[in-house]
């Protein structure tokens, strides 16, 4: 049987796996049982055939992936919420305004806040720091390179800081379990904990690779726009996000499709970053990842 293209995401005490037609979330509950939720994928991007248009599809798929990823995280978190836990003021306000649509509103607010944080960390701060060098460096390419290097530095620092959190560290272990299970499947071996255990946690088609490729692509692309004032730079970088995402998506698909010297060189920096975002899982976590993967293939 021909292998399907599968991907996934670590969630709270679990793993989400996705194939062409199905998405499944497996979560290890507090009592030790594994809860599995499986759905057939409904995607307007696929319905409209946008996923068949190179470079245009990347930004649409990225946005849809963010939404589905947050839904998966929200689903997994529900198993660990304390029933007696008091709601905060924001939750009460949103439930009063949106009633039965409150969860969707909370997710939308979370998505907006995440995007604002991303713009602040990876657009506003790096381009402001780069601007400090413009008084004595007048080469636009070098200024864009400095900005890009600071953007990468902030990304690595952010990853290192959150990886110190105990809960995030466990999520990174599930991230490693996801990769090992996928490697086991792609290698044609039976999906067992024993077989999956021997594979690496580093995978070329990982979202961490995508993040680094986005950073590198933005350095090259922004160099063509010179070095205008800071407001113009911020606006330009935000407006170019769909273009950067589109190019980066095609690169990550190339890395997943080919295994040659060029693909290994391009994937190498992102693979090294995965030493931060993936950790060696235990057998129970591998069992969860395998259960989710079996459900979608």
Foldseek 3Di string as FASTA:
>chain_A
DDDFDKDWAFAQQWIWIATPFKIKIWHQAPVRDIDMDMDTDDDVCVVVPVCVDALLNQLVVVVVVLLVVLVNNVVRVVRPDDPPDDDDPVLVVLCVVVPVCSVVVVSVVVVVVVVVVCLVLQPQVLLVVLVVCCVPDVQQLVSLVSSLVSNVVSVLVVLQVVCPDPSQVQSQQLLLLLQLQVVCVVVVHPRALVSSLPDGSFDLLDVLLLVVQLSVLSSVVVSVVGNDDSVVRSVVSVVCSSSSSSVSVVLSVVLVPDDDPVSCVSSVVSRVSSVRSHDHHDSSSNVNSSVNVVSHD
